[in-house]
Amino acid sequence: MNSWIFFPILVWTVFWKGFALWTAAHKNHKVWFVVLLIVNTFGILEIIYLFWIAKKNWGDVKRILEKIFVPKKR
C-alpha cells in the first residue's frame, strides 16, 4: 500500500479508536472497551459507539481536536 494513503487512514483510525477507548473506560463499559480494542473497523465501530451508545456529539469531538491542535495561550 502506498504511504500517501496509509498515513491518513492510520491517523483517522488511531484518533477514533483512542477517543472511543477513552470514553468506554470512563463510562465503565468493559465489554465495549474489549470489543473496540480487538476489532479493527477503520473507525466505523468506534464512531457508532461514540455517537449512539455513549451519546457523544460533534461538540465533544471538536473539544478533543482543539485540545490536540490549538496551542494554549500563556
Protein backbone atom coordinates (compact mmCIF):
# COMPACT_ATOMS: atom_id res chain seq x y z
CA MET A 1 0.00 0.00 0.00
CA ASN A 2 1.29 3.46 -0.81
CA SER A 3 2.33 5.51 2.21
CA TRP A 4 0.40 8.57 0.99
CA ILE A 5 -2.89 6.70 1.58
CA PHE A 6 -1.70 4.66 4.57
CA PHE A 7 -0.82 7.61 6.82
CA PRO A 8 -4.25 9.38 6.66
CA ILE A 9 -6.00 6.05 7.31
CA LEU A 10 -3.70 5.43 10.27
CA VAL A 11 -4.34 8.89 11.75
CA TRP A 12 -8.12 8.51 11.21
CA THR A 13 -8.20 5.07 12.86
CA VAL A 14 -5.97 5.97 15.81
CA PHE A 15 -7.98 9.11 16.59
CA TRP A 16 -11.38 7.37 16.63
CA LYS A 17 -10.09 4.26 18.40
CA GLY A 18 -8.36 6.33 21.08
CA PHE A 19 -11.39 8.54 21.68
CA ALA A 20 -13.74 5.53 21.81
CA LEU A 21 -11.48 3.55 24.17
CA TRP A 22 -11.05 6.54 26.46
CA THR A 23 -14.83 7.08 26.54
CA ALA A 24 -15.58 3.39 27.17
CA ALA A 25 -13.07 3.32 30.03
CA HIS A 26 -14.52 6.42 31.67
CA LYS A 27 -18.08 5.16 31.32
CA ASN A 28 -17.05 1.73 32.69
CA HIS A 29 -18.29 -0.03 29.51
CA LYS A 30 -15.97 -3.03 29.90
CA VAL A 31 -17.42 -5.15 27.10
CA TRP A 32 -17.33 -2.23 24.65
CA PHE A 33 -13.74 -1.47 25.67
CA VAL A 34 -12.61 -5.02 24.86
CA VAL A 35 -14.55 -5.14 21.58
CA LEU A 36 -13.19 -1.76 20.47
CA LEU A 37 -9.67 -2.80 21.44
CA ILE A 38 -9.76 -6.07 19.48
CA VAL A 39 -11.90 -5.29 16.42
CA ASN A 40 -10.44 -3.00 13.77
CA THR A 41 -13.10 -1.40 11.56
CA PHE A 42 -11.16 1.71 10.45
CA GLY A 43 -13.15 3.88 12.84
CA ILE A 44 -16.66 2.77 11.86
CA LEU A 45 -17.48 0.76 15.01
CA GLU A 46 -15.81 3.43 17.14
CA ILE A 47 -17.97 6.17 15.62
CA ILE A 48 -21.12 4.08 16.13
CA TYR A 49 -20.17 3.50 19.77
CA LEU A 50 -19.36 7.17 20.44
CA PHE A 51 -22.47 8.71 18.90
CA TRP A 52 -25.15 6.07 19.54
CA ILE A 53 -24.05 4.17 22.64
CA ALA A 54 -22.01 6.76 24.58
CA LYS A 55 -24.23 9.64 23.37
CA LYS A 56 -21.34 11.93 22.42
CA ASN A 57 -21.93 14.80 19.98
CA TRP A 58 -19.83 16.76 17.49
CA GLY A 59 -19.13 19.38 20.15
CA ASP A 60 -17.29 16.73 22.18
CA VAL A 61 -15.21 15.77 19.15
CA LYS A 62 -14.45 19.43 18.44
CA ARG A 63 -13.23 19.99 22.03
CA ILE A 64 -10.89 16.99 21.77
CA LEU A 65 -9.49 18.20 18.44
CA GLU A 66 -8.99 21.71 19.83
CA LYS A 67 -7.04 20.29 22.78
CA ILE A 68 -4.80 18.44 20.34
CA PHE A 69 -4.23 21.07 17.67
CA VAL A 70 -4.80 24.51 19.22
CA PRO A 71 -1.89 25.66 21.38
CA LYS A 72 -2.69 27.01 24.82
CA LYS A 73 -2.25 30.73 25.34
CA ARG A 74 0.28 31.57 28.00
